Amino acid sequence: MFKVKINSGSLQQIIELYGVGPMLAKRILEYREINGYFRTPEDLAKVQGVGLELALALSPQIDWQVPEELPKRNNSFGKITF
């Protein structure tokens, strides 16, 4: 079964989730951009228009893996921190 990568997928990929149209996919991307990665159905349920029932129904179609985060630079000295 093909799973959609909810934390790195594009608008078109998220639209492939059964029950998710363009507007809801856009809200999911916007929420992810502002609030960070989804780790659980409960996180996805926080998106306006999703709710826990839909998030749980979508869960088997979703790859919840979080992309490897880039190291952050310490602004004062330019050192890389992890």
Protein backbone atom coordinates (compact mmCIF):
# COMPACT_ATOMS: atom_id res chain seq x y z
CA MET A 1 0.00 0.00 0.00
CA PHE A 2 1.32 3.42 -0.99
CA LYS A 3 1.49 5.86 1.92
CA VAL A 4 1.57 9.64 1.72
CA LYS A 5 4.46 11.32 3.52
CA ILE A 6 2.46 13.83 5.54
CA ASN A 7 5.57 15.69 6.74
CA SER A 8 7.25 16.17 3.38
CA GLY A 9 4.53 15.56 0.81
CA SER A 10 3.46 18.15 -1.73
CA LEU A 11 -0.04 19.51 -2.18
CA GLN A 12 -0.69 16.98 -4.96
CA GLN A 13 0.53 14.09 -2.81
CA ILE A 14 -1.63 15.08 0.16
CA ILE A 15 -4.68 15.39 -2.11
CA GLU A 16 -4.18 11.67 -2.86
CA LEU A 17 -5.37 10.87 0.69
CA TYR A 18 -8.89 9.50 0.48
CA GLY A 19 -11.29 12.19 1.69
CA VAL A 20 -8.84 15.11 1.34
CA GLY A 21 -9.53 17.71 -1.34
CA PRO A 22 -7.45 20.68 -2.47
CA MET A 23 -8.64 23.09 0.21
CA LEU A 24 -8.04 20.69 3.09
CA ALA A 25 -4.65 19.68 1.66
CA LYS A 26 -3.70 23.37 1.52
CA ARG A 27 -4.70 23.80 5.19
CA ILE A 28 -2.61 20.75 6.13
CA LEU A 29 0.44 22.23 4.37
CA GLU A 30 -0.10 25.64 5.94
CA TYR A 31 -0.47 24.11 9.40
CA ARG A 32 2.71 22.06 8.90
CA GLU A 33 4.61 25.15 7.76
CA ILE A 34 3.58 27.14 10.85
CA ASN A 35 3.44 24.46 13.56
CA GLY A 36 5.94 21.83 12.45
CA TYR A 37 5.70 18.15 11.72
CA PHE A 38 2.79 15.81 12.39
CA ARG A 39 3.74 12.88 14.60
CA THR A 40 0.33 11.43 15.45
CA PRO A 41 -3.28 11.50 14.25
CA GLU A 42 -3.97 13.82 17.17
CA ASP A 43 -1.53 16.33 15.67
CA LEU A 44 -3.26 16.12 12.29
CA ALA A 45 -6.65 16.53 13.98
CA LYS A 46 -5.65 20.06 15.00
CA VAL A 47 -5.91 21.20 11.38
CA GLN A 48 -9.20 23.03 10.79
CA GLY A 49 -11.54 20.68 8.93
CA VAL A 50 -9.76 17.45 9.85
CA GLY A 51 -10.82 16.47 13.37
CA LEU A 52 -9.89 13.29 15.20
CA GLU A 53 -12.31 10.99 13.37
CA LEU A 54 -10.93 11.86 9.93
CA ALA A 55 -7.33 11.87 11.19
CA LEU A 56 -7.74 8.35 12.55
CA ALA A 57 -9.38 7.20 9.29
CA LEU A 58 -6.50 8.68 7.27
CA SER A 59 -3.79 7.25 9.53
CA PRO A 60 -3.32 3.93 7.65
CA GLN A 61 -2.69 5.92 4.45
CA ILE A 62 -0.04 8.14 6.08
CA ASP A 63 3.70 7.77 6.51
CA TRP A 64 4.34 9.71 9.75
CA GLN A 65 8.13 9.71 9.40
CA VAL A 66 9.68 13.06 10.24
CA PRO A 67 12.34 14.20 7.77
CA GLU A 68 15.82 14.51 9.20
CA GLU A 69 16.10 18.01 10.54
CA LEU A 70 19.02 20.20 9.52
CA PRO A 71 21.37 21.31 12.28
CA LYS A 72 20.77 24.83 13.56
CA ARG A 73 23.46 27.46 13.70
CA ASN A 74 24.20 29.29 16.90
CA ASN A 75 23.72 32.92 15.83
CA SER A 76 26.39 34.37 18.11
CA PHE A 77 29.34 32.28 16.92
CA GLY A 78 28.13 30.45 13.80
CA LYS A 79 28.66 27.06 15.44
CA ILE A 80 26.48 24.17 14.41
CA THR A 81 24.38 22.74 17.22
CA PHE A 82 22.29 19.59 17.29
